[in-house]
Amino acid sequence: MSSLALMRWLESAPHRYDAGMRWLTLGRVSRVHAAVAEAAAAKPEVRILEIGCGTGAITALLVERGARVTALDQNPEMLEQARARLAAAPPGAVTWIERTASEIDALPAAGFDAAVAGLCLSEMSAGERAFVLRELALRLRPGGALVAADEVQPRSTGQRLLHALLRGPQAALAWLIAGSTSHPIRDLAGEVAAAGFEVRSERRWLLGRLAVVVAERPR
């Protein structure tokens, strides 16, 4: 598997989304989810804003770590799957909101200790990402953490060539099936920094094609 290009197609059938993502990432998506949850919910009782929560895979890990999560997704069917997954969660552990990421400006400023963007930024244009990242910074308290995981362009020339070779057929299939595809982000850490965050770390999987960036809103 070379990319997340079929994500849109999988989102059209939420019941197969989790299995499809495991196949598309050769099982690496579980490691990514765990890394995101560990970085965002380093302490219990943290208030976390999660955009693009999907079927709630990361949400469940955050709740297991004692976090209180406000989880957003624009797809009502995905939210339905997420609610079912966390049906046994403690009362008040999750607030579900059907909303696009670009609508988070309606949420309280400095109202969260951390923010999570899991595999959703690559579905936005560069302008949309810049807006959402700036708004995420405003939703965080000073010193709050941002954890962003997504499909990215590999750093080395060889890895980029291999990525393009392997990704092409999947991107074409995704376009034929769903009429759209995701776009690997050239410099996720750089875009996060440009939104006003201080980048603390970046980890990569799948020959550099899947990244988790951890950043902080300056105090």
C-alpha atoms as a PDB file:
ATOM      1  CA  MET A   1       0.000   0.000   0.000  1.00  0.00           C
ATOM      2  CA  SER A   2       1.379   3.395  -0.930  1.00  0.00           C
ATOM      3  CA  SER A   3      -1.130   6.015   0.141  1.00  0.00           C
ATOM      4  CA  LEU A   4      -4.489   6.946   1.581  1.00  0.00           C
ATOM      5  CA  ALA A   5      -5.885   7.806  -1.844  1.00  0.00           C
ATOM      6  CA  LEU A   6      -8.940   5.568  -1.437  1.00  0.00           C
ATOM      7  CA  MET A   7     -10.026   7.187   1.814  1.00  0.00           C
ATOM      8  CA  ARG A   8     -12.933   8.998   0.206  1.00  0.00           C
ATOM      9  CA  TRP A   9     -14.270   5.737  -1.201  1.00  0.00           C
ATOM     10  CA  LEU A  10     -13.963   4.037   2.158  1.00  0.00           C
ATOM     11  CA  GLU A  11     -15.802   6.933   3.792  1.00  0.00           C
ATOM     12  CA  SER A  12     -18.759   6.185   1.522  1.00  0.00           C
ATOM     13  CA  ALA A  13     -19.156   2.885   3.405  1.00  0.00           C
ATOM     14  CA  PRO A  14     -18.138   3.512   7.045  1.00  0.00           C
ATOM     15  CA  HIS A  15     -18.702  -0.124   8.010  1.00  0.00           C
ATOM     16  CA  ARG A  16     -15.639  -1.112   5.955  1.00  0.00           C
ATOM     17  CA  TYR A  17     -13.540   1.983   6.679  1.00  0.00           C
ATOM     18  CA  ASP A  18     -11.420   0.593   9.529  1.00  0.00           C
ATOM     19  CA  ALA A  19     -10.606  -2.676   7.756  1.00  0.00           C
ATOM     20  CA  GLY A  20      -9.866  -0.792   4.554  1.00  0.00           C
ATOM     21  CA  MET A  21      -7.503   1.615   6.266  1.00  0.00           C
ATOM     22  CA  ARG A  22      -5.609  -1.255   7.870  1.00  0.00           C
ATOM     23  CA  TRP A  23      -5.199  -2.831   4.439  1.00  0.00           C
ATOM     24  CA  LEU A  24      -4.215   0.417   2.731  1.00  0.00           C
ATOM     25  CA  THR A  25      -1.509   1.133   5.303  1.00  0.00           C
ATOM     26  CA  LEU A  26      -0.290  -2.461   5.775  1.00  0.00           C
ATOM     27  CA  GLY A  27      -1.435  -2.250   9.382  1.00  0.00           C
ATOM     28  CA  ARG A  28       0.557   0.909  10.115  1.00  0.00           C
ATOM     29  CA  VAL A  29      -2.582   2.960  10.765  1.00  0.00           C
ATOM     30  CA  SER A  30      -2.952   1.291  14.178  1.00  0.00           C
ATOM     31  CA  ARG A  31       0.530   2.446  15.123  1.00  0.00           C
ATOM     32  CA  VAL A  32      -0.299   5.939  13.934  1.00  0.00           C
ATOM     33  CA  HIS A  33      -3.498   6.008  15.985  1.00  0.00           C
ATOM     34  CA  ALA A  34      -1.593   4.878  19.077  1.00  0.00           C
ATOM     35  CA  ALA A  35       1.120   7.500  18.549  1.00  0.00           C
ATOM     36  CA  VAL A  36      -1.484  10.237  18.160  1.00  0.00           C
ATOM     37  CA  ALA A  37      -3.363   9.230  21.307  1.00  0.00           C
ATOM     38  CA  GLU A  38      -0.183   8.958  23.355  1.00  0.00           C
ATOM     39  CA  ALA A  39       0.986  12.424  22.316  1.00  0.00           C
ATOM     40  CA  ALA A  40      -2.388  14.159  22.691  1.00  0.00           C
ATOM     41  CA  ALA A  41      -3.535  12.555  25.952  1.00  0.00           C
ATOM     42  CA  ALA A  42      -0.295  12.445  27.878  1.00  0.00           C
ATOM     43  CA  LYS A  43      -2.256  13.235  31.064  1.00  0.00           C
ATOM     44  CA  PRO A  44      -5.781  12.207  32.123  1.00  0.00           C
ATOM     45  CA  GLU A  45      -8.667  14.670  32.063  1.00  0.00           C
ATOM     46  CA  VAL A  46      -7.230  16.701  29.195  1.00  0.00           C
ATOM     47  CA  ARG A  47      -9.753  18.470  26.969  1.00  0.00           C
ATOM     48  CA  ILE A  48      -9.161  17.437  23.354  1.00  0.00           C
ATOM     49  CA  LEU A  49     -10.644  18.789  20.135  1.00  0.00           C
ATOM     50  CA  GLU A  50     -10.566  16.126  17.414  1.00  0.00           C
ATOM     51  CA  ILE A  51     -11.367  17.090  13.831  1.00  0.00           C
ATOM     52  CA  GLY A  52     -12.222  14.432  11.258  1.00  0.00           C
ATOM     53  CA  CYS A  53     -12.875  11.804  13.927  1.00  0.00           C
ATOM     54  CA  GLY A  54     -14.237   9.318  11.358  1.00  0.00           C
ATOM     55  CA  THR A  55     -15.364   6.060  12.949  1.00  0.00           C
ATOM     56  CA  GLY A  56     -13.833   7.009  16.297  1.00  0.00           C
ATOM     57  CA  ALA A  57     -10.693   4.857  16.258  1.00  0.00           C
ATOM     58  CA  ILE A  58      -8.514   7.610  17.728  1.00  0.00           C
ATOM     59  CA  THR A  59     -11.394   8.910  19.843  1.00  0.00           C
ATOM     60  CA  ALA A  60     -11.654   5.560  21.603  1.00  0.00           C
ATOM     61  CA  LEU A  61      -7.936   5.541  22.421  1.00  0.00           C
ATOM     62  CA  LEU A  62      -8.148   9.093  23.774  1.00  0.00           C
ATOM     63  CA  VAL A  63     -11.069   8.176  26.021  1.00  0.00           C
ATOM     64  CA  GLU A  64      -9.219   5.079  27.242  1.00  0.00           C
ATOM     65  CA  ARG A  65      -6.461   7.433  28.386  1.00  0.00           C
ATOM     66  CA  GLY A  66      -8.947   9.496  30.384  1.00  0.00           C
ATOM     67  CA  ALA A  67      -9.396  12.415  27.987  1.00  0.00           C
ATOM     68  CA  ARG A  68     -12.586  14.393  27.441  1.00  0.00           C
ATOM     69  CA  VAL A  69     -13.056  14.700  23.688  1.00  0.00           C
ATOM     70  CA  THR A  70     -15.032  17.031  21.456  1.00  0.00           C
ATOM     71  CA  ALA A  71     -15.128  15.019  18.227  1.00  0.00           C
ATOM     72  CA  LEU A  72     -16.114  16.548  14.874  1.00  0.00           C
ATOM     73  CA  ASP A  73     -16.872  14.978  11.531  1.00  0.00           C
ATOM     74  CA  GLN A  74     -18.934  16.172   8.591  1.00  0.00           C
ATOM     75  CA  ASN A  75     -20.098  12.670   7.656  1.00  0.00           C
ATOM     76  CA  PRO A  76     -23.173  11.623   9.685  1.00  0.00           C
ATOM     77  CA  GLU A  77     -22.682   7.947   8.864  1.00  0.00           C
ATOM     78  CA  MET A  78     -19.126   8.037  10.171  1.00  0.00           C
ATOM     79  CA  LEU A  79     -20.357   9.717  13.350  1.00  0.00           C
ATOM     80  CA  GLU A  80     -22.974   7.001  13.740  1.00  0.00           C
ATOM     81  CA  GLN A  81     -20.230   4.362  13.593  1.00  0.00           C
ATOM     82  CA  ALA A  82     -18.153   6.348  16.085  1.00  0.00           C
ATOM     83  CA  ARG A  83     -21.037   6.682  18.527  1.00  0.00           C
ATOM     84  CA  ALA A  84     -21.647   2.928  18.335  1.00  0.00           C
ATOM     85  CA  ARG A  85     -17.966   2.229  18.952  1.00  0.00           C
ATOM     86  CA  LEU A  86     -17.962   4.390  22.085  1.00  0.00           C
ATOM     87  CA  ALA A  87     -21.419   3.460  23.334  1.00  0.00           C
ATOM     88  CA  ALA A  88     -19.914   2.251  26.621  1.00  0.00           C
ATOM     89  CA  ALA A  89     -17.763   5.355  27.163  1.00  0.00           C
ATOM     90  CA  PRO A  90     -18.201   7.153  30.504  1.00  0.00           C
ATOM     91  CA  PRO A  91     -20.935   9.805  30.503  1.00  0.00           C
ATOM     92  CA  GLY A  92     -19.619  13.123  29.243  1.00  0.00           C
ATOM     93  CA  ALA A  93     -16.403  11.624  27.866  1.00  0.00           C
ATOM     94  CA  VAL A  94     -17.267  12.541  24.262  1.00  0.00           C
ATOM     95  CA  THR A  95     -19.214  15.389  22.712  1.00  0.00           C
ATOM     96  CA  TRP A  96     -20.126  14.558  19.100  1.00  0.00           C
ATOM     97  CA  ILE A  97     -20.550  17.386  16.603  1.00  0.00           C
ATOM     98  CA  GLU A  98     -21.536  17.048  12.954  1.00  0.00           C
ATOM     99  CA  ARG A  99     -19.520  19.886  11.453  1.00  0.00           C
ATOM    100  CA  THR A 100     -16.715  20.553   8.987  1.00  0.00           C
ATOM    101  CA  ALA A 101     -13.251  21.406  10.229  1.00  0.00           C
ATOM    102  CA  SER A 102     -13.584  24.897   8.764  1.00  0.00           C
ATOM    103  CA  GLU A 103     -16.437  25.564  11.198  1.00  0.00           C
ATOM    104  CA  ILE A 104     -14.402  25.177  14.382  1.00  0.00           C
ATOM    105  CA  ASP A 105     -14.234  28.970  14.700  1.00  0.00           C
ATOM    106  CA  ALA A 106     -17.607  28.657  16.466  1.00  0.00           C
ATOM    107  CA  LEU A 107     -15.957  26.752  19.326  1.00  0.00           C
ATOM    108  CA  PRO A 108     -14.576  28.606  22.373  1.00  0.00           C
ATOM    109  CA  ALA A 109     -11.155  30.211  22.120  1.00  0.00           C
ATOM    110  CA  ALA A 110      -8.474  28.627  24.321  1.00  0.00           C
ATOM    111  CA  GLY A 111     -11.030  25.996  25.316  1.00  0.00           C
ATOM    112  CA  PHE A 112      -8.882  22.890  24.787  1.00  0.00           C
ATOM    113  CA  ASP A 113      -5.639  21.408  26.079  1.00  0.00           C
ATOM    114  CA  ALA A 114      -4.886  19.556  22.844  1.00  0.00           C
ATOM    115  CA  ALA A 115      -6.122  19.149  19.278  1.00  0.00           C
ATOM    116  CA  VAL A 116      -5.995  16.139  16.978  1.00  0.00           C
ATOM    117  CA  ALA A 117      -6.195  16.087  13.187  1.00  0.00           C
ATOM    118  CA  GLY A 118      -6.136  12.470  12.089  1.00  0.00           C
ATOM    119  CA  LEU A 119      -5.818  11.742   8.364  1.00  0.00           C
ATOM    120  CA  CYS A 120      -8.045  14.617   7.307  1.00  0.00           C
ATOM    121  CA  LEU A 121      -5.795  17.562   6.417  1.00  0.00           C
ATOM    122  CA  SER A 122      -4.727  15.964   3.133  1.00  0.00           C
ATOM    123  CA  GLU A 123      -8.345  16.120   1.963  1.00  0.00           C
ATOM    124  CA  MET A 124      -8.241  19.938   2.147  1.00  0.00           C
ATOM    125  CA  SER A 125      -6.728  22.519  -0.150  1.00  0.00           C
ATOM    126  CA  ALA A 126      -3.615  24.351   1.050  1.00  0.00           C
ATOM    127  CA  GLY A 127      -5.749  27.397   1.835  1.00  0.00           C
ATOM    128  CA  GLU A 128      -8.251  25.354   3.823  1.00  0.00           C
ATOM    129  CA  ARG A 129      -5.452  23.685   5.797  1.00  0.00           C
ATOM    130  CA  ALA A 130      -3.894  27.055   6.628  1.00  0.00           C
ATOM    131  CA  PHE A 131      -7.239  28.360   7.913  1.00  0.00           C
ATOM    132  CA  VAL A 132      -8.014  25.222   9.942  1.00  0.00           C
ATOM    133  CA  LEU A 133      -4.549  25.085  11.492  1.00  0.00           C
ATOM    134  CA  ARG A 134      -4.745  28.754  12.524  1.00  0.00           C
ATOM    135  CA  GLU A 135      -8.175  28.173  14.027  1.00  0.00           C
ATOM    136  CA  LEU A 136      -6.901  25.111  15.881  1.00  0.00           C
ATOM    137  CA  ALA A 137      -4.169  27.264  17.409  1.00  0.00           C
ATOM    138  CA  LEU A 138      -6.808  29.720  18.632  1.00  0.00           C
ATOM    139  CA  ARG A 139      -8.892  26.905  20.166  1.00  0.00           C
ATOM    140  CA  LEU A 140      -5.914  25.776  22.279  1.00  0.00           C
ATOM    141  CA  ARG A 141      -4.772  27.219  25.556  1.00  0.00           C
ATOM    142  CA  PRO A 142      -1.201  28.562  25.540  1.00  0.00           C
ATOM    143  CA  GLY A 143       1.084  25.542  25.694  1.00  0.00           C
ATOM    144  CA  GLY A 144      -1.611  23.281  24.245  1.00  0.00           C
ATOM    145  CA  ALA A 145      -0.564  20.463  21.911  1.00  0.00           C
ATOM    146  CA  LEU A 146      -1.480  19.809  18.293  1.00  0.00           C
ATOM    147  CA  VAL A 147      -1.053  16.275  16.971  1.00  0.00           C
ATOM    148  CA  ALA A 148      -1.503  15.976  13.207  1.00  0.00           C
ATOM    149  CA  ALA A 149      -1.250  12.666  11.350  1.00  0.00           C
ATOM    150  CA  ASP A 150      -1.529  12.448   7.585  1.00  0.00           C
ATOM    151  CA  GLU A 151      -0.273  11.334   4.201  1.00  0.00           C
ATOM    152  CA  VAL A 152       2.822  13.296   3.202  1.00  0.00           C
ATOM    153  CA  GLN A 153       5.340  13.440   0.402  1.00  0.00           C
ATOM    154  CA  PRO A 154       8.536  11.490   1.189  1.00  0.00           C
ATOM    155  CA  ARG A 155      11.701  13.500   1.710  1.00  0.00           C
ATOM    156  CA  SER A 156      14.168  11.681  -0.543  1.00  0.00           C
ATOM    157  CA  THR A 157      14.018  11.659  -4.342  1.00  0.00           C
ATOM    158  CA  GLY A 158      14.002   7.863  -4.458  1.00  0.00           C
ATOM    159  CA  GLN A 159      11.149   7.596  -1.998  1.00  0.00           C
ATOM    160  CA  ARG A 160       9.159  10.245  -3.880  1.00  0.00           C
ATOM    161  CA  LEU A 161       9.581   8.368  -7.170  1.00  0.00           C
ATOM    162  CA  LEU A 162       8.511   5.092  -5.577  1.00  0.00           C
ATOM    163  CA  HIS A 163       5.581   6.839  -3.909  1.00  0.00           C
ATOM    164  CA  ALA A 164       4.410   8.336  -7.219  1.00  0.00           C
ATOM    165  CA  LEU A 165       4.731   4.969  -8.980  1.00  0.00           C
ATOM    166  CA  LEU A 166       2.740   3.080  -6.366  1.00  0.00           C
ATOM    167  CA  ARG A 167       0.212   5.794  -5.647  1.00  0.00           C
ATOM    168  CA  GLY A 168      -0.801   6.546  -9.234  1.00  0.00           C
ATOM    169  CA  PRO A 169      -3.064   3.512  -9.837  1.00  0.00           C
ATOM    170  CA  GLN A 170      -4.784   3.970  -6.479  1.00  0.00           C
ATOM    171  CA  ALA A 171      -5.390   7.663  -7.080  1.00  0.00           C
ATOM    172  CA  ALA A 172      -6.889   6.887 -10.499  1.00  0.00           C
ATOM    173  CA  LEU A 173      -9.140   4.204  -9.004  1.00  0.00           C
ATOM    174  CA  ALA A 174     -10.257   6.541  -6.213  1.00  0.00           C
ATOM    175  CA  TRP A 175     -11.159   9.195  -8.781  1.00  0.00           C
ATOM    176  CA  LEU A 176     -13.149   6.714 -10.873  1.00  0.00           C
ATOM    177  CA  ILE A 177     -15.026   5.387  -7.844  1.00  0.00           C
ATOM    178  CA  ALA A 178     -15.534   8.527  -5.754  1.00  0.00           C
ATOM    179  CA  GLY A 179     -14.748  11.416  -8.077  1.00  0.00           C
ATOM    180  CA  SER A 180     -12.065  12.705  -5.717  1.00  0.00           C
ATOM    181  CA  THR A 181      -8.830  11.759  -4.029  1.00  0.00           C
ATOM    182  CA  SER A 182      -6.567  12.963  -1.251  1.00  0.00           C
ATOM    183  CA  HIS A 183      -3.337  14.873  -1.881  1.00  0.00           C
ATOM    184  CA  PRO A 184      -0.128  14.100   0.031  1.00  0.00           C
ATOM    185  CA  ILE A 185       1.070  17.152   1.945  1.00  0.00           C
ATOM    186  CA  ARG A 186       4.481  18.359   0.848  1.00  0.00           C
ATOM    187  CA  ASP A 187       5.581  19.784   4.209  1.00  0.00           C
ATOM    188  CA  LEU A 188       3.128  19.073   7.028  1.00  0.00           C
ATOM    189  CA  ALA A 189       5.509  20.237   9.745  1.00  0.00           C
ATOM    190  CA  GLY A 190       6.199  23.437   7.814  1.00  0.00           C
ATOM    191  CA  GLU A 191       2.492  24.208   7.441  1.00  0.00           C
ATOM    192  CA  VAL A 192       1.946  23.578  11.139  1.00  0.00           C
ATOM    193  CA  ALA A 193       4.784  25.953  11.984  1.00  0.00           C
ATOM    194  CA  ALA A 194       3.424  28.585   9.582  1.00  0.00           C
ATOM    195  CA  ALA A 195       0.128  28.513  11.519  1.00  0.00           C
ATOM    196  CA  GLY A 196       1.948  29.691  14.634  1.00  0.00           C
ATOM    197  CA  PHE A 197       2.853  26.405  16.314  1.00  0.00           C
ATOM    198  CA  GLU A 198       6.239  25.317  17.606  1.00  0.00           C
ATOM    199  CA  VAL A 199       6.956  21.888  16.126  1.00  0.00           C
ATOM    200  CA  ARG A 200       8.294  19.443  18.723  1.00  0.00           C
ATOM    201  CA  SER A 201       8.659  16.222  16.740  1.00  0.00           C
ATOM    202  CA  GLU A 202       7.841  14.369  13.523  1.00  0.00           C
ATOM    203  CA  ARG A 203       7.659  10.599  13.063  1.00  0.00           C
ATOM    204  CA  ARG A 204       7.208   8.789   9.749  1.00  0.00           C
ATOM    205  CA  TRP A 205       6.085   5.360   8.542  1.00  0.00           C
ATOM    206  CA  LEU A 206       5.643   3.615   5.158  1.00  0.00           C
ATOM    207  CA  LEU A 207       8.899   4.824   3.602  1.00  0.00           C
ATOM    208  CA  GLY A 208       8.227   8.355   4.786  1.00  0.00           C
ATOM    209  CA  ARG A 209       4.687   8.567   3.384  1.00  0.00           C
ATOM    210  CA  LEU A 210       2.721   8.694   6.634  1.00  0.00           C
ATOM    211  CA  ALA A 211       3.677  11.261   9.276  1.00  0.00           C
ATOM    212  CA  VAL A 212       2.720  12.303  12.795  1.00  0.00           C
ATOM    213  CA  VAL A 213       3.670  15.862  13.722  1.00  0.00           C
ATOM    214  CA  VAL A 214       3.501  17.005  17.358  1.00  0.00           C
ATOM    215  CA  ALA A 215       3.505  20.756  17.970  1.00  0.00           C
ATOM    216  CA  GLU A 216       2.675  23.263  20.688  1.00  0.00           C
ATOM    217  CA  ARG A 217       0.926  26.602  20.803  1.00  0.00           C
ATOM    218  CA  PRO A 218       3.476  29.070  22.216  1.00  0.00           C
ATOM    219  CA  ARG A 219       2.896  30.125  25.812  1.00  0.00           C
END
